[in-house]
Amino acid sequence: TSFIFFFCHFHTSSFFILIALKFILKKNHTLAFLSASCSK
């Protein structure tokens, strides 16, 4: 989880939206959810 918070702090929300979309396309909904919640 610290890895997720690290990227939440140092990257923009648009970056996480792209990451979330990539995880959704790969059917990895858990990581997609984490990435999407970072973008808020």
C-alpha atoms as a PDB file:
ATOM      1  CA  THR A   1       0.000   0.000   0.000  1.00  0.00           C
ATOM      2  CA  SER A   2       2.900   2.393   0.635  1.00  0.00           C
ATOM      3  CA  PHE A   3       3.795   1.909  -3.034  1.00  0.00           C
ATOM      4  CA  ILE A   4       0.318   3.113  -4.015  1.00  0.00           C
ATOM      5  CA  PHE A   5       0.495   6.134  -1.700  1.00  0.00           C
ATOM      6  CA  PHE A   6       3.939   6.992  -3.049  1.00  0.00           C
ATOM      7  CA  PHE A   7       2.575   7.238  -6.574  1.00  0.00           C
ATOM      8  CA  CYS A   8      -0.543   9.031  -5.354  1.00  0.00           C
ATOM      9  CA  HIS A   9       1.741  11.699  -3.938  1.00  0.00           C
ATOM     10  CA  PHE A  10       4.171  12.085  -6.833  1.00  0.00           C
ATOM     11  CA  HIS A  11       1.988  11.643  -9.908  1.00  0.00           C
ATOM     12  CA  THR A  12      -1.000  13.430 -11.397  1.00  0.00           C
ATOM     13  CA  SER A  13      -4.549  12.100 -11.387  1.00  0.00           C
ATOM     14  CA  SER A  14      -4.507  11.829 -15.188  1.00  0.00           C
ATOM     15  CA  PHE A  15      -1.577   9.411 -14.885  1.00  0.00           C
ATOM     16  CA  PHE A  16      -3.625   7.216 -12.553  1.00  0.00           C
ATOM     17  CA  ILE A  17      -6.651   7.310 -14.823  1.00  0.00           C
ATOM     18  CA  LEU A  18      -4.489   5.858 -17.598  1.00  0.00           C
ATOM     19  CA  ILE A  19      -3.075   3.209 -15.255  1.00  0.00           C
ATOM     20  CA  ALA A  20      -6.576   2.295 -14.083  1.00  0.00           C
ATOM     21  CA  LEU A  21      -7.774   1.879 -17.660  1.00  0.00           C
ATOM     22  CA  LYS A  22      -4.829  -0.394 -18.442  1.00  0.00           C
ATOM     23  CA  PHE A  23      -5.556  -2.581 -15.411  1.00  0.00           C
ATOM     24  CA  ILE A  24      -9.255  -2.753 -16.331  1.00  0.00           C
ATOM     25  CA  LEU A  25      -8.336  -3.910 -19.821  1.00  0.00           C
ATOM     26  CA  LYS A  26      -6.164  -6.595 -18.240  1.00  0.00           C
ATOM     27  CA  LYS A  27      -9.095  -7.651 -16.006  1.00  0.00           C
ATOM     28  CA  ASN A  28      -7.185  -6.699 -12.858  1.00  0.00           C
ATOM     29  CA  HIS A  29     -10.018  -4.946 -11.050  1.00  0.00           C
ATOM     30  CA  THR A  30      -8.301  -4.739  -7.657  1.00  0.00           C
ATOM     31  CA  LEU A  31      -5.377  -2.687  -8.945  1.00  0.00           C
ATOM     32  CA  ALA A  32      -7.723  -0.704 -11.168  1.00  0.00           C
ATOM     33  CA  PHE A  33      -9.779   0.212  -8.112  1.00  0.00           C
ATOM     34  CA  LEU A  34      -6.676   1.294  -6.184  1.00  0.00           C
ATOM     35  CA  SER A  35      -5.462   3.395  -9.095  1.00  0.00           C
ATOM     36  CA  ALA A  36      -8.868   4.989  -9.590  1.00  0.00           C
ATOM     37  CA  SER A  37      -9.161   5.892  -5.906  1.00  0.00           C
ATOM     38  CA  CYS A  38      -5.771   7.590  -6.165  1.00  0.00           C
ATOM     39  CA  SER A  39      -7.083   9.853  -8.902  1.00  0.00           C
ATOM     40  CA  LYS A  40      -9.763  11.395  -6.647  1.00  0.00           C
END
